[in-house]
Amino acid sequence: MKILVTGGLGFIGSHTVVELQNEGYDVVIIDNLSNSSVEVLDGITAITGKRPHFEKLDLKIKDDVKSFFNTHSDISGVIHFAASKAVGESVNNPLMYYENNINTLVYVLQELSQLNQQNFIFSSSCTVYGQADELPITENAPVKPAESPYGNTKQIGEEIIKDTCKVNEKLNCIALRYFNPIGAHPSAEIGELPIGVPQNLVPYITQTAIGMREQLSVFGGDYPTPDGTCIRDYIHVVDLAKAHVVALQRLLSGNNDSNFDFFNLGTGKGSSVLEAIQSFEKVSGKKLNYKVVDRRAGDVISAYADTNKANDVLGWKTELTLDDAMASAWKWEQKIRNK
């Protein structure tokens, strides 16, 4: 079966392509390389022994999306990662985020709706919950007003899919709400490759440890948590990638209960920023230069997943630990710096 992965050279996309190819799927990648590198194809090929078909394409150009789907009308499913994802950047440039994250989703869904098989996995986020009233966060938790334009694009994206599913019974969709993906493939052939200054904690940790960054800032040490730092649910990217394959298989086999569903993807365990730093120091043997600074706007205090629905309905659960993720991220950082 041919599966389209948009944004398939990005962090989560590339790991998902690996898991799809390991399961025998024929993968086509679309990526505009705005936040990724074509060299990721080499890493995917090195791991799986097979080079996926790649097309450099900007999904904001409607005619290009249309002609792609005309050429690849035999696609059995789409996993849609392509989106901008930096919270701070979205606050400063909201229109860019709405154009890139919403228009592209609409264009892909319009073309997918013309195909015989209409199976769609949407890359969503736990940001849709905001600061949840109860922890751990279940799928029944209310969707709160978004803290950022980025978060809002995920909420709007889910609403667009849900509304489309109401009027198109052939369309089958699952939205996967990620918590905090970290780590790299154990082979160190692919991993997180931020362009410019990292927006996420773990690449900043590894870049500080290797000497690229002078100091790691920990935003806020006075939160109402055991050690005063924010708590997050850090999920290994390989576990997360495998969940996409399981969700896709659910749609392809027609086992879904309704044509729109959503699942939290996390470990079910919260770890503080300081615990994440301690995990890295333990597995790397390196002491990190970090400093607790003022809180950052838009950060929720604590967020971790109730994973029961994904465990029971999808039959998926995480297998890798925070230490595993930190060790793989450090191995990846050392490899790309040596290169």
C-alpha atoms as a PDB file:
ATOM      1  CA  MET A   1       0.000   0.000   0.000  1.00  0.00           C
ATOM      2  CA  LYS A   2       1.209   3.503  -0.835  1.00  0.00           C
ATOM      3  CA  ILE A   3       1.191   5.984   2.063  1.00  0.00           C
ATOM      4  CA  LEU A   4       1.784   9.713   1.700  1.00  0.00           C
ATOM      5  CA  VAL A   5       3.694  11.367   4.553  1.00  0.00           C
ATOM      6  CA  THR A   6       3.647  15.173   4.385  1.00  0.00           C
ATOM      7  CA  GLY A   7       6.522  16.800   6.245  1.00  0.00           C
ATOM      8  CA  GLY A   8       8.152  13.387   6.088  1.00  0.00           C
ATOM      9  CA  LEU A   9      11.712  14.699   6.425  1.00  0.00           C
ATOM     10  CA  GLY A  10      10.955  16.455   9.722  1.00  0.00           C
ATOM     11  CA  PHE A  11      11.651  15.095  13.198  1.00  0.00           C
ATOM     12  CA  ILE A  12       8.536  12.980  13.817  1.00  0.00           C
ATOM     13  CA  GLY A  13       7.798  12.489  10.126  1.00  0.00           C
ATOM     14  CA  SER A  14      11.143  10.864   9.341  1.00  0.00           C
ATOM     15  CA  HIS A  15      10.876   8.433  12.266  1.00  0.00           C
ATOM     16  CA  THR A  16       7.356   7.522  11.135  1.00  0.00           C
ATOM     17  CA  VAL A  17       8.579   6.894   7.575  1.00  0.00           C
ATOM     18  CA  VAL A  18      11.141   4.451   9.022  1.00  0.00           C
ATOM     19  CA  GLU A  19       8.444   2.542  10.953  1.00  0.00           C
ATOM     20  CA  LEU A  20       6.136   2.474   7.896  1.00  0.00           C
ATOM     21  CA  GLN A  21       8.889   1.086   5.673  1.00  0.00           C
ATOM     22  CA  ASN A  22       9.827  -1.459   8.335  1.00  0.00           C
ATOM     23  CA  GLU A  23       6.198  -2.646   8.155  1.00  0.00           C
ATOM     24  CA  GLY A  24       6.403  -3.001   4.364  1.00  0.00           C
ATOM     25  CA  TYR A  25       4.507   0.119   3.269  1.00  0.00           C
ATOM     26  CA  ASP A  26       5.474   1.999   0.110  1.00  0.00           C
ATOM     27  CA  VAL A  27       6.096   5.593   1.273  1.00  0.00           C
ATOM     28  CA  VAL A  28       5.905   8.856  -0.655  1.00  0.00           C
ATOM     29  CA  ILE A  29       7.241  11.941   1.138  1.00  0.00           C
ATOM     30  CA  ILE A  30       6.245  15.538   0.483  1.00  0.00           C
ATOM     31  CA  ASP A  31       8.385  18.203   2.171  1.00  0.00           C
ATOM     32  CA  ASN A  32       9.224  21.798   1.256  1.00  0.00           C
ATOM     33  CA  LEU A  33      12.518  21.623   3.239  1.00  0.00           C
ATOM     34  CA  SER A  34      11.664  24.832   5.126  1.00  0.00           C
ATOM     35  CA  ASN A  35      12.596  23.201   8.441  1.00  0.00           C
ATOM     36  CA  SER A  36      14.325  19.989   7.351  1.00  0.00           C
ATOM     37  CA  SER A  37      17.149  18.671   5.198  1.00  0.00           C
ATOM     38  CA  VAL A  38      17.128  16.428   2.140  1.00  0.00           C
ATOM     39  CA  GLU A  39      20.010  14.504   3.784  1.00  0.00           C
ATOM     40  CA  VAL A  40      17.425  12.925   6.099  1.00  0.00           C
ATOM     41  CA  LEU A  41      16.565  10.674   3.121  1.00  0.00           C
ATOM     42  CA  ASP A  42      20.021   9.117   3.450  1.00  0.00           C
ATOM     43  CA  GLY A  43      19.397   8.353   7.119  1.00  0.00           C
ATOM     44  CA  ILE A  44      16.031   6.730   6.394  1.00  0.00           C
ATOM     45  CA  THR A  45      17.629   4.660   3.634  1.00  0.00           C
ATOM     46  CA  ALA A  46      20.519   3.595   5.877  1.00  0.00           C
ATOM     47  CA  ILE A  47      18.096   2.318   8.553  1.00  0.00           C
ATOM     48  CA  THR A  48      15.518   0.590   6.331  1.00  0.00           C
ATOM     49  CA  GLY A  49      17.543  -0.363   3.265  1.00  0.00           C
ATOM     50  CA  LYS A  50      14.950   1.354   1.083  1.00  0.00           C
ATOM     51  CA  ARG A  51      14.846   4.901  -0.243  1.00  0.00           C
ATOM     52  CA  PRO A  52      11.355   6.426  -0.075  1.00  0.00           C
ATOM     53  CA  HIS A  53      10.024   8.402  -3.028  1.00  0.00           C
ATOM     54  CA  PHE A  54      10.482  12.120  -2.299  1.00  0.00           C
ATOM     55  CA  GLU A  55       8.920  15.177  -3.893  1.00  0.00           C
ATOM     56  CA  LYS A  56       9.926  18.691  -2.890  1.00  0.00           C
ATOM     57  CA  LEU A  57       6.605  20.466  -2.898  1.00  0.00           C
ATOM     58  CA  ASP A  58       5.011  23.424  -1.118  1.00  0.00           C
ATOM     59  CA  LEU A  59       1.527  22.425   0.026  1.00  0.00           C
ATOM     60  CA  LYS A  60       0.519  26.116   0.130  1.00  0.00           C
ATOM     61  CA  ILE A  61       0.447  26.056  -3.687  1.00  0.00           C
ATOM     62  CA  LYS A  62      -2.971  24.577  -4.404  1.00  0.00           C
ATOM     63  CA  ASP A  63      -2.296  23.652  -8.040  1.00  0.00           C
ATOM     64  CA  ASP A  64       0.828  21.715  -7.056  1.00  0.00           C
ATOM     65  CA  VAL A  65      -1.157  19.736  -4.479  1.00  0.00           C
ATOM     66  CA  LYS A  66      -3.782  18.948  -7.109  1.00  0.00           C
ATOM     67  CA  SER A  67      -1.247  17.760  -9.675  1.00  0.00           C
ATOM     68  CA  PHE A  68       0.539  15.617  -7.057  1.00  0.00           C
ATOM     69  CA  PHE A  69      -2.696  13.780  -6.197  1.00  0.00           C
ATOM     70  CA  ASN A  70      -3.532  13.378  -9.893  1.00  0.00           C
ATOM     71  CA  THR A  71      -0.187  11.591 -10.330  1.00  0.00           C
ATOM     72  CA  HIS A  72      -0.515   9.549  -7.111  1.00  0.00           C
ATOM     73  CA  SER A  73      -4.197   8.605  -7.177  1.00  0.00           C
ATOM     74  CA  ASP A  74      -3.357   5.140  -5.765  1.00  0.00           C
ATOM     75  CA  ILE A  75      -2.545   6.448  -2.270  1.00  0.00           C
ATOM     76  CA  SER A  76      -4.198   4.393   0.487  1.00  0.00           C
ATOM     77  CA  GLY A  77      -3.592   6.821   3.347  1.00  0.00           C
ATOM     78  CA  VAL A  78      -2.096  10.164   4.336  1.00  0.00           C
ATOM     79  CA  ILE A  79      -0.169  11.036   7.495  1.00  0.00           C
ATOM     80  CA  HIS A  80      -0.104  14.817   7.692  1.00  0.00           C
ATOM     81  CA  PHE A  81       2.806  16.332   9.639  1.00  0.00           C
ATOM     82  CA  ALA A  82       3.577  19.345   7.440  1.00  0.00           C
ATOM     83  CA  ALA A  83       3.142  22.423   9.639  1.00  0.00           C
ATOM     84  CA  SER A  84       5.104  25.175  11.336  1.00  0.00           C
ATOM     85  CA  LYS A  85       5.460  24.458  15.051  1.00  0.00           C
ATOM     86  CA  ALA A  86       7.380  27.126  17.008  1.00  0.00           C
ATOM     87  CA  VAL A  87       5.083  28.679  19.631  1.00  0.00           C
ATOM     88  CA  GLY A  88       7.055  31.930  19.977  1.00  0.00           C
ATOM     89  CA  GLU A  89       7.318  32.426  16.223  1.00  0.00           C
ATOM     90  CA  SER A  90       3.555  31.889  15.866  1.00  0.00           C
ATOM     91  CA  VAL A  91       2.906  34.699  18.386  1.00  0.00           C
ATOM     92  CA  ASN A  92       5.127  37.059  16.384  1.00  0.00           C
ATOM     93  CA  ASN A  93       3.866  35.967  12.955  1.00  0.00           C
ATOM     94  CA  PRO A  94       0.322  34.613  13.292  1.00  0.00           C
ATOM     95  CA  LEU A  95      -0.704  35.030   9.644  1.00  0.00           C
ATOM     96  CA  MET A  96       2.210  32.906   8.455  1.00  0.00           C
ATOM     97  CA  TYR A  97       1.069  30.149  10.817  1.00  0.00           C
ATOM     98  CA  TYR A  98      -2.571  30.349   9.757  1.00  0.00           C
ATOM     99  CA  GLU A  99      -1.628  30.281   6.079  1.00  0.00           C
ATOM    100  CA  ASN A 100       0.854  27.426   6.412  1.00  0.00           C
ATOM    101  CA  ASN A 101      -0.981  25.203   8.889  1.00  0.00           C
ATOM    102  CA  ILE A 102      -4.605  25.748   7.827  1.00  0.00           C
ATOM    103  CA  ASN A 103      -4.478  26.270   4.051  1.00  0.00           C
ATOM    104  CA  THR A 104      -2.250  23.236   3.505  1.00  0.00           C
ATOM    105  CA  LEU A 105      -4.585  21.022   5.540  1.00  0.00           C
ATOM    106  CA  VAL A 106      -7.596  22.199   3.509  1.00  0.00           C
ATOM    107  CA  TYR A 107      -5.840  21.595   0.171  1.00  0.00           C
ATOM    108  CA  VAL A 108      -4.736  18.073   1.154  1.00  0.00           C
ATOM    109  CA  LEU A 109      -8.228  17.154   2.418  1.00  0.00           C
ATOM    110  CA  GLN A 110      -9.846  18.523  -0.758  1.00  0.00           C
ATOM    111  CA  GLU A 111      -7.691  16.268  -2.919  1.00  0.00           C
ATOM    112  CA  LEU A 112      -7.876  13.262  -0.585  1.00  0.00           C
ATOM    113  CA  SER A 113     -11.684  13.489  -0.792  1.00  0.00           C
ATOM    114  CA  GLN A 114     -11.458  12.626  -4.516  1.00  0.00           C
ATOM    115  CA  LEU A 115      -9.656   9.308  -3.947  1.00  0.00           C
ATOM    116  CA  ASN A 116     -11.058   5.800  -3.545  1.00  0.00           C
ATOM    117  CA  GLN A 117      -9.359   5.330  -0.168  1.00  0.00           C
ATOM    118  CA  GLN A 118      -9.609   8.287   2.195  1.00  0.00           C
ATOM    119  CA  ASN A 119      -7.629   7.514   5.347  1.00  0.00           C
ATOM    120  CA  PHE A 120      -6.071  10.453   7.178  1.00  0.00           C
ATOM    121  CA  ILE A 121      -3.891  10.757  10.283  1.00  0.00           C
ATOM    122  CA  PHE A 122      -3.512  14.301  11.648  1.00  0.00           C
ATOM    123  CA  SER A 123      -0.529  15.430  13.680  1.00  0.00           C
ATOM    124  CA  SER A 124      -2.188  17.284  16.563  1.00  0.00           C
ATOM    125  CA  SER A 125      -0.965  18.354  19.978  1.00  0.00           C
ATOM    126  CA  CYS A 126      -1.761  18.338  23.675  1.00  0.00           C
ATOM    127  CA  THR A 127      -1.688  22.157  23.393  1.00  0.00           C
ATOM    128  CA  VAL A 128      -5.395  21.865  22.526  1.00  0.00           C
ATOM    129  CA  TYR A 129      -6.044  21.244  26.254  1.00  0.00           C
ATOM    130  CA  GLY A 130      -4.218  24.365  27.516  1.00  0.00           C
ATOM    131  CA  GLN A 131      -3.701  24.194  31.281  1.00  0.00           C
ATOM    132  CA  ALA A 132      -5.975  21.243  32.042  1.00  0.00           C
ATOM    133  CA  ASP A 133      -8.208  21.270  35.125  1.00  0.00           C
ATOM    134  CA  GLU A 134      -7.288  17.683  36.009  1.00  0.00           C
ATOM    135  CA  LEU A 135      -4.198  15.524  35.590  1.00  0.00           C
ATOM    136  CA  PRO A 136      -3.498  13.202  33.931  1.00  0.00           C
ATOM    137  CA  ILE A 137      -5.251  14.632  30.864  1.00  0.00           C
ATOM    138  CA  THR A 138      -7.883  12.380  29.296  1.00  0.00           C
ATOM    139  CA  GLU A 139      -9.430  12.767  25.836  1.00  0.00           C
ATOM    140  CA  ASN A 140     -12.587  13.973  27.611  1.00  0.00           C
ATOM    141  CA  ALA A 141     -10.795  17.062  28.955  1.00  0.00           C
ATOM    142  CA  PRO A 142     -12.264  20.263  27.516  1.00  0.00           C
ATOM    143  CA  VAL A 143     -10.431  21.971  24.670  1.00  0.00           C
ATOM    144  CA  LYS A 144      -9.419  25.354  26.137  1.00  0.00           C
ATOM    145  CA  PRO A 145      -8.790  28.647  24.334  1.00  0.00           C
ATOM    146  CA  ALA A 146      -5.376  28.269  22.724  1.00  0.00           C
ATOM    147  CA  GLU A 147      -2.314  29.851  24.348  1.00  0.00           C
ATOM    148  CA  SER A 148      -0.763  30.673  20.943  1.00  0.00           C
ATOM    149  CA  PRO A 149      -1.607  30.915  17.231  1.00  0.00           C
ATOM    150  CA  TYR A 150       0.290  27.620  16.793  1.00  0.00           C
ATOM    151  CA  GLY A 151      -1.983  25.911  19.333  1.00  0.00           C
ATOM    152  CA  ASN A 152      -4.989  27.499  17.690  1.00  0.00           C
ATOM    153  CA  THR A 153      -4.030  26.032  14.297  1.00  0.00           C
ATOM    154  CA  LYS A 154      -4.140  22.553  15.864  1.00  0.00           C
ATOM    155  CA  GLN A 155      -7.590  23.209  17.343  1.00  0.00           C
ATOM    156  CA  ILE A 156      -8.897  24.681  14.086  1.00  0.00           C
ATOM    157  CA  GLY A 157      -7.299  21.804  12.166  1.00  0.00           C
ATOM    158  CA  GLU A 158      -9.198  19.241  14.241  1.00  0.00           C
ATOM    159  CA  GLU A 159     -12.454  21.204  13.754  1.00  0.00           C
ATOM    160  CA  ILE A 160     -11.935  21.307   9.974  1.00  0.00           C
ATOM    161  CA  ILE A 161     -11.389  17.538   9.908  1.00  0.00           C
ATOM    162  CA  LYS A 162     -14.390  16.839  12.151  1.00  0.00           C
ATOM    163  CA  ASP A 163     -16.700  19.042  10.047  1.00  0.00           C
ATOM    164  CA  THR A 164     -15.456  17.391   6.829  1.00  0.00           C
ATOM    165  CA  CYS A 165     -16.004  13.909   8.269  1.00  0.00           C
ATOM    166  CA  LYS A 166     -19.640  14.820   9.091  1.00  0.00           C
ATOM    167  CA  VAL A 167     -20.440  15.385   5.416  1.00  0.00           C
ATOM    168  CA  ASN A 168     -18.077  12.810   3.887  1.00  0.00           C
ATOM    169  CA  GLU A 169     -18.673   9.315   5.231  1.00  0.00           C
ATOM    170  CA  LYS A 170     -15.869   7.883   3.066  1.00  0.00           C
ATOM    171  CA  LEU A 171     -13.296   9.993   4.911  1.00  0.00           C
ATOM    172  CA  ASN A 172     -11.740   8.244   7.945  1.00  0.00           C
ATOM    173  CA  CYS A 173      -9.591  10.365  10.242  1.00  0.00           C
ATOM    174  CA  ILE A 174      -7.659  10.051  13.481  1.00  0.00           C
ATOM    175  CA  ALA A 175      -6.074  13.041  15.234  1.00  0.00           C
ATOM    176  CA  LEU A 176      -3.095  12.158  17.414  1.00  0.00           C
ATOM    177  CA  ARG A 177      -2.504  14.600  20.250  1.00  0.00           C
ATOM    178  CA  TYR A 178       1.198  14.418  21.105  1.00  0.00           C
ATOM    179  CA  PHE A 179       2.664  15.373  24.402  1.00  0.00           C
ATOM    180  CA  ASN A 180       6.443  16.109  24.264  1.00  0.00           C
ATOM    181  CA  PRO A 181       8.371  14.089  21.645  1.00  0.00           C
ATOM    182  CA  ILE A 182      12.113  13.769  22.293  1.00  0.00           C
ATOM    183  CA  GLY A 183      15.057  11.530  21.439  1.00  0.00           C
ATOM    184  CA  ALA A 184      16.355  10.086  18.185  1.00  0.00           C
ATOM    185  CA  HIS A 185      16.529   6.802  16.333  1.00  0.00           C
ATOM    186  CA  PRO A 186      18.869   4.388  18.202  1.00  0.00           C
ATOM    187  CA  SER A 187      20.988   4.071  15.056  1.00  0.00           C
ATOM    188  CA  ALA A 188      21.728   7.843  15.235  1.00  0.00           C
ATOM    189  CA  GLU A 189      20.962   7.984  11.502  1.00  0.00           C
ATOM    190  CA  ILE A 190      18.044  10.406  12.065  1.00  0.00           C
ATOM    191  CA  GLY A 191      17.044  12.700  14.924  1.00  0.00           C
ATOM    192  CA  GLU A 192      15.863  16.194  15.806  1.00  0.00           C
ATOM    193  CA  LEU A 193      17.644  18.765  13.636  1.00  0.00           C
ATOM    194  CA  PRO A 194      16.476  22.266  14.561  1.00  0.00           C
ATOM    195  CA  ILE A 195      17.431  25.042  12.162  1.00  0.00           C
ATOM    196  CA  GLY A 196      18.835  27.980  14.145  1.00  0.00           C
ATOM    197  CA  VAL A 197      18.335  28.285  17.905  1.00  0.00           C
ATOM    198  CA  PRO A 198      16.356  25.290  19.237  1.00  0.00           C
ATOM    199  CA  GLN A 199      12.841  26.014  20.500  1.00  0.00           C
ATOM    200  CA  ASN A 200      12.608  22.702  22.366  1.00  0.00           C
ATOM    201  CA  LEU A 201      14.299  21.611  25.588  1.00  0.00           C
ATOM    202  CA  VAL A 202      16.237  18.511  24.555  1.00  0.00           C
ATOM    203  CA  PRO A 203      18.105  19.905  21.508  1.00  0.00           C
ATOM    204  CA  TYR A 204      19.055  22.875  23.675  1.00  0.00           C
ATOM    205  CA  ILE A 205      20.325  20.478  26.349  1.00  0.00           C
ATOM    206  CA  THR A 206      22.443  18.496  23.875  1.00  0.00           C
ATOM    207  CA  GLN A 207      23.765  21.619  22.132  1.00  0.00           C
ATOM    208  CA  THR A 208      24.754  23.083  25.515  1.00  0.00           C
ATOM    209  CA  ALA A 209      26.473  19.836  26.503  1.00  0.00           C
ATOM    210  CA  ILE A 210      28.487  19.738  23.269  1.00  0.00           C
ATOM    211  CA  GLY A 211      29.538  23.399  23.586  1.00  0.00           C
ATOM    212  CA  MET A 212      27.401  25.034  20.890  1.00  0.00           C
ATOM    213  CA  ARG A 213      25.358  26.952  23.473  1.00  0.00           C
ATOM    214  CA  GLU A 214      26.899  28.626  26.504  1.00  0.00           C
ATOM    215  CA  GLN A 215      24.076  28.012  28.930  1.00  0.00           C
ATOM    216  CA  LEU A 216      20.650  26.384  29.135  1.00  0.00           C
ATOM    217  CA  SER A 217      17.871  28.600  30.483  1.00  0.00           C
ATOM    218  CA  VAL A 218      15.261  26.893  32.653  1.00  0.00           C
ATOM    219  CA  PHE A 219      12.176  29.075  32.385  1.00  0.00           C
ATOM    220  CA  GLY A 220      10.674  29.433  35.868  1.00  0.00           C
ATOM    221  CA  GLY A 221      11.679  27.826  39.135  1.00  0.00           C
ATOM    222  CA  ASP A 222       8.686  28.977  41.165  1.00  0.00           C
ATOM    223  CA  TYR A 223       5.862  26.892  39.693  1.00  0.00           C
ATOM    224  CA  PRO A 224       3.587  24.925  42.084  1.00  0.00           C
ATOM    225  CA  THR A 225       5.407  21.636  41.341  1.00  0.00           C
ATOM    226  CA  PRO A 226       7.689  19.514  43.568  1.00  0.00           C
ATOM    227  CA  ASP A 227      10.903  21.197  42.334  1.00  0.00           C
ATOM    228  CA  GLY A 228       9.392  24.453  41.011  1.00  0.00           C
ATOM    229  CA  THR A 229       9.922  23.687  37.294  1.00  0.00           C
ATOM    230  CA  CYS A 230       7.304  22.836  34.667  1.00  0.00           C
ATOM    231  CA  ILE A 231       6.207  19.229  34.270  1.00  0.00           C
ATOM    232  CA  ARG A 232       5.852  17.578  30.867  1.00  0.00           C
ATOM    233  CA  ASP A 233       5.202  14.121  29.450  1.00  0.00           C
ATOM    234  CA  TYR A 234       8.340  13.319  27.436  1.00  0.00           C
ATOM    235  CA  ILE A 235       7.671  10.568  24.882  1.00  0.00           C
ATOM    236  CA  HIS A 236      10.407   8.867  22.841  1.00  0.00           C
ATOM    237  CA  VAL A 237       9.975   9.730  19.165  1.00  0.00           C
ATOM    238  CA  VAL A 238      10.295   6.047  18.127  1.00  0.00           C
ATOM    239  CA  ASP A 239       7.346   5.094  20.375  1.00  0.00           C
ATOM    240  CA  LEU A 240       5.412   8.022  18.917  1.00  0.00           C
ATOM    241  CA  ALA A 241       6.218   6.972  15.330  1.00  0.00           C
ATOM    242  CA  LYS A 242       4.991   3.439  16.002  1.00  0.00           C
ATOM    243  CA  ALA A 243       1.665   4.844  17.235  1.00  0.00           C
ATOM    244  CA  HIS A 244       1.100   6.417  13.796  1.00  0.00           C
ATOM    245  CA  VAL A 245       1.519   3.050  12.109  1.00  0.00           C
ATOM    246  CA  VAL A 246      -0.925   1.409  14.533  1.00  0.00           C
ATOM    247  CA  ALA A 247      -3.479   4.212  14.035  1.00  0.00           C
ATOM    248  CA  LEU A 248      -3.130   3.982  10.254  1.00  0.00           C
ATOM    249  CA  GLN A 249      -3.617   0.206  10.354  1.00  0.00           C
ATOM    250  CA  ARG A 250      -6.808   0.738  12.367  1.00  0.00           C
ATOM    251  CA  LEU A 251      -8.199   2.908   9.550  1.00  0.00           C
ATOM    252  CA  LEU A 252      -6.961   0.690   6.713  1.00  0.00           C
ATOM    253  CA  SER A 253      -8.582  -2.386   8.267  1.00  0.00           C
ATOM    254  CA  GLY A 254     -11.874  -0.545   8.887  1.00  0.00           C
ATOM    255  CA  ASN A 255     -11.753  -1.115  12.654  1.00  0.00           C
ATOM    256  CA  ASN A 256     -12.497   2.476  13.609  1.00  0.00           C
ATOM    257  CA  ASP A 257     -15.723   3.052  15.567  1.00  0.00           C
ATOM    258  CA  SER A 258     -16.440   6.413  13.900  1.00  0.00           C
ATOM    259  CA  ASN A 259     -14.903   8.288  10.997  1.00  0.00           C
ATOM    260  CA  PHE A 260     -13.310  10.865  13.299  1.00  0.00           C
ATOM    261  CA  ASP A 261     -11.463   9.950  16.491  1.00  0.00           C
ATOM    262  CA  PHE A 262      -8.584  11.312  18.566  1.00  0.00           C
ATOM    263  CA  PHE A 263      -6.018   9.881  20.958  1.00  0.00           C
ATOM    264  CA  ASN A 264      -3.517  11.218  23.465  1.00  0.00           C
ATOM    265  CA  LEU A 265       0.025   9.989  22.851  1.00  0.00           C
ATOM    266  CA  GLY A 266       2.317  10.167  25.857  1.00  0.00           C
ATOM    267  CA  THR A 267       3.894   7.983  28.513  1.00  0.00           C
ATOM    268  CA  GLY A 268       1.343   8.769  31.208  1.00  0.00           C
ATOM    269  CA  LYS A 269       4.141  10.083  33.437  1.00  0.00           C
ATOM    270  CA  GLY A 270       5.132  13.675  34.080  1.00  0.00           C
ATOM    271  CA  SER A 271       8.776  14.683  34.479  1.00  0.00           C
ATOM    272  CA  SER A 272       9.963  18.134  35.529  1.00  0.00           C
ATOM    273  CA  VAL A 273      12.504  20.131  33.531  1.00  0.00           C
ATOM    274  CA  LEU A 274      15.071  19.515  36.277  1.00  0.00           C
ATOM    275  CA  GLU A 275      14.361  15.765  36.173  1.00  0.00           C
ATOM    276  CA  ALA A 276      14.928  15.841  32.401  1.00  0.00           C
ATOM    277  CA  ILE A 277      18.270  17.594  32.951  1.00  0.00           C
ATOM    278  CA  GLN A 278      19.252  15.052  35.627  1.00  0.00           C
ATOM    279  CA  SER A 279      18.354  12.185  33.267  1.00  0.00           C
ATOM    280  CA  PHE A 280      20.605  13.668  30.582  1.00  0.00           C
ATOM    281  CA  GLU A 281      23.489  14.181  33.025  1.00  0.00           C
ATOM    282  CA  LYS A 282      23.158  10.575  34.187  1.00  0.00           C
ATOM    283  CA  VAL A 283      23.238   8.948  30.731  1.00  0.00           C
ATOM    284  CA  SER A 284      25.836  11.307  29.204  1.00  0.00           C
ATOM    285  CA  GLY A 285      28.156  11.660  32.183  1.00  0.00           C
ATOM    286  CA  LYS A 286      28.278  15.413  31.465  1.00  0.00           C
ATOM    287  CA  LYS A 287      27.440  18.245  33.857  1.00  0.00           C
ATOM    288  CA  LEU A 288      25.133  20.788  32.238  1.00  0.00           C
ATOM    289  CA  ASN A 289      25.583  24.522  32.594  1.00  0.00           C
ATOM    290  CA  TYR A 290      22.043  25.720  33.273  1.00  0.00           C
ATOM    291  CA  LYS A 291      20.404  28.645  35.035  1.00  0.00           C
ATOM    292  CA  VAL A 292      16.857  29.127  36.318  1.00  0.00           C
ATOM    293  CA  VAL A 293      15.453  32.341  34.789  1.00  0.00           C
ATOM    294  CA  ASP A 294      12.056  34.056  34.677  1.00  0.00           C
ATOM    295  CA  ARG A 295       8.964  32.219  33.482  1.00  0.00           C
ATOM    296  CA  ARG A 296       8.189  32.206  29.765  1.00  0.00           C
ATOM    297  CA  ALA A 297       4.836  33.467  28.488  1.00  0.00           C
ATOM    298  CA  GLY A 298       2.464  30.732  27.281  1.00  0.00           C
ATOM    299  CA  ASP A 299       3.971  27.851  29.273  1.00  0.00           C
ATOM    300  CA  VAL A 300       1.456  25.688  31.126  1.00  0.00           C
ATOM    301  CA  ILE A 301       2.488  24.474  34.578  1.00  0.00           C
ATOM    302  CA  SER A 302       1.967  20.777  34.136  1.00  0.00           C
ATOM    303  CA  ALA A 303       0.761  18.454  31.387  1.00  0.00           C
ATOM    304  CA  TYR A 304       0.894  14.678  31.134  1.00  0.00           C
ATOM    305  CA  ALA A 305      -1.326  12.171  29.386  1.00  0.00           C
ATOM    306  CA  ASP A 306      -3.862   9.638  30.465  1.00  0.00           C
ATOM    307  CA  THR A 307      -2.921   6.950  27.933  1.00  0.00           C
ATOM    308  CA  ASN A 308      -5.708   4.452  28.638  1.00  0.00           C
ATOM    309  CA  LYS A 309      -7.619   5.121  25.412  1.00  0.00           C
ATOM    310  CA  ALA A 310      -4.540   4.657  23.193  1.00  0.00           C
ATOM    311  CA  ASN A 311      -3.510   1.583  25.226  1.00  0.00           C
ATOM    312  CA  ASP A 312      -6.941  -0.065  25.094  1.00  0.00           C
ATOM    313  CA  VAL A 313      -8.346   0.994  21.716  1.00  0.00           C
ATOM    314  CA  LEU A 314      -5.185   1.143  19.603  1.00  0.00           C
ATOM    315  CA  GLY A 315      -3.364  -1.553  21.534  1.00  0.00           C
ATOM    316  CA  TRP A 316      -0.318   0.731  21.693  1.00  0.00           C
ATOM    317  CA  LYS A 317       1.850   1.752  24.611  1.00  0.00           C
ATOM    318  CA  THR A 318       5.285   3.271  25.096  1.00  0.00           C
ATOM    319  CA  GLU A 319       8.255   0.968  25.610  1.00  0.00           C
ATOM    320  CA  LEU A 320      11.151   3.432  25.930  1.00  0.00           C
ATOM    321  CA  THR A 321      12.135   5.553  28.941  1.00  0.00           C
ATOM    322  CA  LEU A 322      13.252   9.140  29.512  1.00  0.00           C
ATOM    323  CA  ASP A 323      16.811   7.834  29.942  1.00  0.00           C
ATOM    324  CA  ASP A 324      16.557   5.954  26.612  1.00  0.00           C
ATOM    325  CA  ALA A 325      15.419   9.143  24.885  1.00  0.00           C
ATOM    326  CA  MET A 326      18.183  11.271  26.409  1.00  0.00           C
ATOM    327  CA  ALA A 327      20.862   8.693  25.519  1.00  0.00           C
ATOM    328  CA  SER A 328      19.665   8.529  21.894  1.00  0.00           C
ATOM    329  CA  ALA A 329      19.468  12.338  21.634  1.00  0.00           C
ATOM    330  CA  TRP A 330      23.050  12.636  22.924  1.00  0.00           C
ATOM    331  CA  LYS A 331      24.308   9.959  20.520  1.00  0.00           C
ATOM    332  CA  TRP A 332      22.621  11.839  17.640  1.00  0.00           C
ATOM    333  CA  GLU A 333      24.054  15.227  18.720  1.00  0.00           C
ATOM    334  CA  GLN A 334      27.580  13.785  18.851  1.00  0.00           C
ATOM    335  CA  LYS A 335      27.170  12.220  15.417  1.00  0.00           C
ATOM    336  CA  ILE A 336      25.972  15.399  13.673  1.00  0.00           C
ATOM    337  CA  ARG A 337      28.727  17.497  15.312  1.00  0.00           C
ATOM    338  CA  ASN A 338      31.406  14.993  14.243  1.00  0.00           C
ATOM    339  CA  LYS A 339      30.051  15.220  10.703  1.00  0.00           C
END
